[in-house]
């Protein structure tokens, strides 16, 4: 199924050019659901998009991994000298970057 996005001044528009079998299947399903083909496609695409967004926002880990992460947050290891130096270097860089954006030029 080929999909093209066309932008107009009024409303956003999606144009879909399905193969014949897909079109027949979608048209039958739309009719059975009491929707027009456009309503059915929008409903189905929106439903799937919400599922995809929800899955992308979730992180699934085992109970053992979750317990290890919580334990590491509750009992953090001391910073190594190299990690401390890198953090201080980054802080210095980030603060300098923030200052340069807010600094007024004459």
Protein backbone atom coordinates (compact mmCIF):
# COMPACT_ATOMS: atom_id res chain seq x y z
CA UNK A 1 0.00 0.00 0.00
CA UNK A 2 1.52 3.32 -1.05
CA UNK A 3 0.86 6.41 1.10
CA UNK A 4 1.51 10.02 0.18
CA UNK A 5 1.18 13.05 2.41
CA UNK A 6 -0.21 16.15 0.72
CA UNK A 7 -0.19 19.47 2.58
CA UNK A 8 -2.93 21.97 1.83
CA UNK A 9 -3.80 25.37 3.26
CA UNK A 10 -6.99 23.99 4.87
CA UNK A 11 -6.48 20.59 6.42
CA UNK A 12 -3.69 18.03 6.37
CA UNK A 13 -4.45 15.25 3.92
CA UNK A 14 -3.25 11.69 3.48
CA UNK A 15 -3.65 9.98 0.12
CA UNK A 16 -3.54 6.19 0.04
CA UNK A 17 -3.35 4.09 -3.12
CA UNK A 18 -3.89 0.47 -2.07
CA UNK A 19 -3.65 -2.60 -4.24
CA UNK A 20 -7.01 -4.06 -5.30
CA UNK A 21 -7.16 -6.80 -2.65
CA UNK A 22 -6.33 -4.37 0.17
CA UNK A 23 -8.93 -1.93 -1.09
CA UNK A 24 -11.64 -4.61 -1.15
CA UNK A 25 -10.74 -5.80 2.35
CA UNK A 26 -10.74 -2.26 3.77
CA UNK A 27 -14.00 -1.36 2.02
CA UNK A 28 -15.70 -4.51 3.41
CA UNK A 29 -14.39 -3.83 6.92
CA UNK A 30 -15.51 -0.19 6.72
CA UNK A 31 -18.98 -1.23 5.64
CA UNK A 32 -19.23 -3.85 8.40
CA UNK A 33 -18.19 -1.26 10.99
CA UNK A 34 -20.68 1.32 9.70
CA UNK A 35 -17.99 3.78 8.69
CA UNK A 36 -16.94 5.28 5.40
CA UNK A 37 -13.62 4.08 4.01
CA UNK A 38 -12.00 7.39 5.03
CA UNK A 39 -13.43 7.20 8.55
CA UNK A 40 -12.34 3.58 8.86
CA UNK A 41 -8.80 4.33 7.67
CA UNK A 42 -8.45 7.30 10.02
CA UNK A 43 -9.81 5.28 12.94
CA UNK A 44 -7.52 2.30 12.25
CA UNK A 45 -4.42 4.42 11.64
CA UNK A 46 -5.01 6.51 14.77
CA UNK A 47 -5.56 3.40 16.88
CA UNK A 48 -2.34 1.84 15.61
CA UNK A 49 -0.41 5.10 16.03
CA UNK A 50 -1.46 5.28 19.70
CA UNK A 51 -0.27 1.69 20.23
CA UNK A 52 3.08 2.46 18.61
CA UNK A 53 3.57 5.60 20.72
CA UNK A 54 2.66 3.71 23.90
CA UNK A 55 5.10 0.89 23.11
CA UNK A 56 7.87 3.37 22.31
CA UNK A 57 7.39 5.11 25.66
CA UNK A 58 7.55 1.89 27.70
CA UNK A 59 10.63 0.09 28.90
CA UNK A 60 10.04 -3.54 29.82
CA UNK A 61 12.54 -5.22 32.11
CA UNK A 62 12.53 -8.32 34.26
CA UNK A 63 11.75 -8.06 37.96
CA UNK A 64 15.37 -8.88 38.70
CA UNK A 65 16.64 -6.04 36.48
CA UNK A 66 14.12 -3.62 38.01
CA UNK A 67 15.28 -4.55 41.51
CA UNK A 68 18.94 -4.08 40.52
CA UNK A 69 18.18 -0.62 39.06
CA UNK A 70 16.30 0.44 42.20
CA UNK A 71 19.13 -0.85 44.39
CA UNK A 72 21.69 1.08 42.31
CA UNK A 73 19.60 4.26 42.64
CA UNK A 74 19.24 3.78 46.41
CA UNK A 75 22.91 2.88 46.88
CA UNK A 76 24.95 4.60 44.17
CA UNK A 77 28.58 3.71 43.69
CA UNK A 78 31.08 6.51 44.34
CA UNK A 79 32.21 8.39 41.22
CA UNK A 80 35.51 7.28 39.78
CA UNK A 81 38.09 10.07 39.36
CA UNK A 82 37.77 9.95 35.56
CA UNK A 83 33.97 10.13 35.66
CA UNK A 84 34.12 13.05 38.13
CA UNK A 85 36.58 14.88 35.86
CA UNK A 86 34.35 14.27 32.82
CA UNK A 87 31.29 15.56 34.71
CA UNK A 88 33.13 18.71 35.81
CA UNK A 89 34.40 19.27 32.28
CA UNK A 90 30.88 18.90 30.90
CA UNK A 91 29.45 21.25 33.54
CA UNK A 92 32.05 23.86 32.62
CA UNK A 93 31.27 23.43 28.92
CA UNK A 94 27.48 23.51 29.44
CA UNK A 95 27.63 26.60 31.65
CA UNK A 96 29.79 28.40 29.11
CA UNK A 97 27.37 27.46 26.34
CA UNK A 98 24.39 28.79 28.32
CA UNK A 99 26.22 32.05 29.01
CA UNK A 100 27.08 32.59 25.35
CA UNK A 101 23.43 32.25 24.33
CA UNK A 102 22.20 34.76 26.87
CA UNK A 103 25.12 37.17 26.54
CA UNK A 104 24.18 40.39 24.78
CA UNK A 105 26.49 41.55 22.05
CA UNK A 106 27.30 45.29 21.81
